[in-house]
C-alpha atoms as a PDB file:
ATOM      1  CA  UNK A   1      62.152   9.059 -76.391  1.00  0.00           C
ATOM      2  CA  UNK A   2      59.407   7.504 -74.059  1.00  0.00           C
ATOM      3  CA  UNK A   3      57.203   5.828 -75.833  1.00  0.00           C
ATOM      4  CA  UNK A   4      54.511   6.794 -73.756  1.00  0.00           C
ATOM      5  CA  UNK A   5      54.918  10.235 -74.538  1.00  0.00           C
ATOM      6  CA  UNK A   6      52.112  10.094 -77.540  1.00  0.00           C
ATOM      7  CA  UNK A   7      49.231   7.999 -76.036  1.00  0.00           C
ATOM      8  CA  UNK A   8      46.685   9.983 -75.134  1.00  0.00           C
ATOM      9  CA  UNK A   9      45.465  11.706 -71.243  1.00  0.00           C
ATOM     10  CA  UNK A  10      43.024  10.095 -69.935  1.00  0.00           C
ATOM     11  CA  UNK A  11      40.070  12.324 -69.384  1.00  0.00           C
ATOM     12  CA  UNK A  12      38.192  12.172 -66.498  1.00  0.00           C
ATOM     13  CA  UNK A  13      34.774  11.585 -67.014  1.00  0.00           C
ATOM     14  CA  UNK A  14      31.973  13.342 -65.027  1.00  0.00           C
ATOM     15  CA  UNK A  15      30.450  12.101 -62.163  1.00  0.00           C
ATOM     16  CA  UNK A  16      27.714   9.464 -62.882  1.00  0.00           C
ATOM     17  CA  UNK A  17      24.881   9.063 -60.362  1.00  0.00           C
ATOM     18  CA  UNK A  18      24.701   6.001 -59.258  1.00  0.00           C
ATOM     19  CA  UNK A  19      27.967   4.780 -60.799  1.00  0.00           C
ATOM     20  CA  UNK A  20      30.377   2.236 -58.408  1.00  0.00           C
ATOM     21  CA  UNK A  21      32.734   4.230 -56.356  1.00  0.00           C
ATOM     22  CA  UNK A  22      34.752   1.848 -55.062  1.00  0.00           C
ATOM     23  CA  UNK A  23      37.568   1.809 -57.759  1.00  0.00           C
ATOM     24  CA  UNK A  24      38.067   5.970 -56.610  1.00  0.00           C
ATOM     25  CA  UNK A  25      40.276   7.158 -54.108  1.00  0.00           C
ATOM     26  CA  UNK A  26      40.151   9.551 -51.198  1.00  0.00           C
ATOM     27  CA  UNK A  27      41.332  12.683 -53.144  1.00  0.00           C
ATOM     28  CA  UNK A  28      38.960  12.394 -57.009  1.00  0.00           C
ATOM     29  CA  UNK A  29      35.978  11.006 -54.409  1.00  0.00           C
ATOM     30  CA  UNK A  30      36.887  14.370 -52.028  1.00  0.00           C
ATOM     31  CA  UNK A  31      36.943  16.376 -56.020  1.00  0.00           C
ATOM     32  CA  UNK A  32      34.029  14.667 -56.675  1.00  0.00           C
ATOM     33  CA  UNK A  33      31.586  15.825 -53.798  1.00  0.00           C
ATOM     34  CA  UNK A  34      32.808  19.509 -54.415  1.00  0.00           C
ATOM     35  CA  UNK A  35      31.873  19.692 -57.587  1.00  0.00           C
ATOM     36  CA  UNK A  36      28.290  18.660 -56.459  1.00  0.00           C
ATOM     37  CA  UNK A  37      28.609  20.879 -54.337  1.00  0.00           C
ATOM     38  CA  UNK A  38      29.100  23.158 -56.886  1.00  0.00           C
ATOM     39  CA  UNK A  39      26.303  22.784 -58.793  1.00  0.00           C
ATOM     40  CA  UNK A  40      23.823  22.244 -56.210  1.00  0.00           C
ATOM     41  CA  UNK A  41      24.316  25.681 -55.422  1.00  0.00           C
ATOM     42  CA  UNK A  42      24.086  26.378 -58.934  1.00  0.00           C
ATOM     43  CA  UNK A  43      21.060  25.215 -59.212  1.00  0.00           C
ATOM     44  CA  UNK A  44      19.491  26.539 -56.262  1.00  0.00           C
ATOM     45  CA  UNK A  45      20.629  29.640 -57.046  1.00  0.00           C
ATOM     46  CA  UNK A  46      18.794  29.212 -60.452  1.00  0.00           C
ATOM     47  CA  UNK A  47      15.984  27.751 -58.688  1.00  0.00           C
ATOM     48  CA  UNK A  48      15.441  31.037 -56.245  1.00  0.00           C
ATOM     49  CA  UNK A  49      15.816  33.392 -60.003  1.00  0.00           C
ATOM     50  CA  UNK A  50      12.727  30.903 -61.404  1.00  0.00           C
ATOM     51  CA  UNK A  51      11.105  31.147 -58.226  1.00  0.00           C
ATOM     52  CA  UNK A  52      11.236  35.185 -58.203  1.00  0.00           C
ATOM     53  CA  UNK A  53       9.985  35.385 -61.450  1.00  0.00           C
ATOM     54  CA  UNK A  54       7.480  33.211 -60.895  1.00  0.00           C
ATOM     55  CA  UNK A  55       5.837  34.376 -58.339  1.00  0.00           C
ATOM     56  CA  UNK A  56       6.294  37.963 -60.287  1.00  0.00           C
ATOM     57  CA  UNK A  57       4.378  37.071 -63.056  1.00  0.00           C
ATOM     58  CA  UNK A  58       1.396  35.947 -61.057  1.00  0.00           C
ATOM     59  CA  UNK A  59       1.544  39.117 -59.256  1.00  0.00           C
ATOM     60  CA  UNK A  60       0.936  40.567 -61.907  1.00  0.00           C
ATOM     61  CA  UNK A  61      -1.701  38.449 -63.771  1.00  0.00           C
ATOM     62  CA  UNK A  62      -3.372  39.092 -60.104  1.00  0.00           C
ATOM     63  CA  UNK A  63      -4.247  42.335 -60.095  1.00  0.00           C
ATOM     64  CA  UNK A  64      -5.108  41.971 -64.488  1.00  0.00           C
END
């Protein structure tokens, strides 16, 4: 029976802006870059959606 089986697994911490990167491995850095790129794409899609909605609302109110 191993002693270490009962120890909780360390949960990966999300990336924090400005955190010390010197302790991260190349794989961890690559993973965080991928996560951040996905998040940027998600934010840009939401921004585009909101801009379209805003433009439509402005056009509607200009007509009246």
